[in-house]
């Protein structure tokens, strides 16, 4: 990774994350999806997690350090225009 967050990413031999999730961040609800072949281990505590539409395993973690927000989730910005603006405007 770029070294911006504490942690280590490793490539897996298979697809690790796939599917639609919901995410609530800073009081805004987003629709998002994930698709990745890597796994992240970090000592950071997530500020929130996605909620999977199917299955019982926890959704993708969202980490924040100062103004940096990082996650495997790809947010669908039109699902929350005000929430999207809040991510980019201080």
Protein backbone atom coordinates (compact mmCIF):
# COMPACT_ATOMS: atom_id res chain seq x y z
CA UNK A 1 0.00 0.00 0.00
CA UNK A 2 1.07 3.63 0.08
CA UNK A 3 2.02 3.67 3.76
CA UNK A 4 -0.65 6.21 4.69
CA UNK A 5 -2.28 3.92 7.28
CA UNK A 6 -0.86 1.47 9.76
CA UNK A 7 -1.31 -2.02 8.35
CA UNK A 8 -0.34 -4.56 5.78
CA UNK A 9 -2.13 -5.71 2.65
CA UNK A 10 -1.56 -9.12 1.11
CA UNK A 11 -2.85 -10.65 -2.08
CA UNK A 12 -5.04 -13.72 -1.60
CA UNK A 13 -5.35 -16.72 -3.89
CA UNK A 14 -9.05 -16.07 -4.36
CA UNK A 15 -11.64 -13.32 -4.39
CA UNK A 16 -11.94 -12.02 -0.82
CA UNK A 17 -14.62 -9.33 -1.09
CA UNK A 18 -17.55 -9.13 -3.46
CA UNK A 19 -21.00 -7.64 -3.25
CA UNK A 20 -23.27 -4.73 -2.47
CA UNK A 21 -23.15 -3.15 0.99
CA UNK A 22 -24.74 -0.25 2.77
CA UNK A 23 -22.62 2.22 4.68
CA UNK A 24 -23.41 4.95 7.17
CA UNK A 25 -20.64 7.48 7.63
CA UNK A 26 -20.82 10.91 9.22
CA UNK A 27 -24.61 10.59 9.43
CA UNK A 28 -25.07 9.83 5.74
CA UNK A 29 -26.25 6.57 4.14
CA UNK A 30 -24.43 5.28 1.06
CA UNK A 31 -24.82 2.34 -1.25
CA UNK A 32 -21.48 0.74 -2.08
CA UNK A 33 -19.89 -2.36 -3.54
CA UNK A 34 -16.68 -4.25 -3.03
CA UNK A 35 -14.53 -6.42 -5.28
CA UNK A 36 -10.99 -7.32 -4.22
CA UNK A 37 -8.39 -10.07 -4.00
CA UNK A 38 -6.34 -8.64 -1.11
CA UNK A 39 -6.67 -8.74 2.66
CA UNK A 40 -5.77 -5.97 5.09
CA UNK A 41 -4.55 -6.38 8.64
CA UNK A 42 -4.30 -3.23 10.71
CA UNK A 43 -4.00 -2.20 14.33
CA UNK A 44 -6.41 0.67 13.61
CA UNK A 45 -9.99 0.44 14.84
CA UNK A 46 -12.59 0.99 12.12
CA UNK A 47 -14.77 4.08 12.51
CA UNK A 48 -17.64 2.13 10.93
CA UNK A 49 -18.32 -0.94 8.79
CA UNK A 50 -20.40 -1.70 5.77
CA UNK A 51 -23.51 -3.86 6.11
CA UNK A 52 -23.69 -6.73 3.65
CA UNK A 53 -26.97 -7.45 1.85
CA UNK A 54 -26.34 -11.18 2.15
CA UNK A 55 -24.46 -13.35 4.56
CA UNK A 56 -23.63 -12.95 8.19
CA UNK A 57 -20.00 -11.90 8.05
CA UNK A 58 -19.20 -8.25 8.88
CA UNK A 59 -19.01 -5.74 6.07
CA UNK A 60 -15.91 -3.91 4.94
CA UNK A 61 -14.16 -1.76 7.53
CA UNK A 62 -13.78 2.00 7.14
CA UNK A 63 -10.69 3.61 8.67
CA UNK A 64 -10.07 7.28 9.31
CA UNK A 65 -6.88 9.09 10.27
CA UNK A 66 -7.37 12.86 10.38
CA UNK A 67 -9.07 13.73 7.05
CA UNK A 68 -8.04 10.49 5.32
CA UNK A 69 -10.91 8.00 4.99
CA UNK A 70 -9.96 4.57 3.62
CA UNK A 71 -11.97 1.45 2.79
CA UNK A 72 -12.26 -1.30 0.21
CA UNK A 73 -15.80 -0.09 -0.48
CA UNK A 74 -16.52 1.77 -3.71
CA UNK A 75 -19.17 4.31 -2.81
CA UNK A 76 -21.99 5.04 -5.23
CA UNK A 77 -21.91 8.82 -4.87
CA UNK A 78 -25.43 9.49 -6.29
CA UNK A 79 -26.83 7.41 -3.39
CA UNK A 80 -25.95 10.29 -1.05
CA UNK A 81 -25.08 13.62 -2.72
CA UNK A 82 -24.88 15.47 0.61
CA UNK A 83 -22.78 12.69 2.12
CA UNK A 84 -20.46 12.77 -0.88
CA UNK A 85 -19.98 16.53 -0.50
CA UNK A 86 -19.18 16.06 3.20
CA UNK A 87 -16.33 13.71 2.29
CA UNK A 88 -14.63 16.38 0.16
CA UNK A 89 -15.62 19.69 1.78
CA UNK A 90 -14.49 20.55 5.26
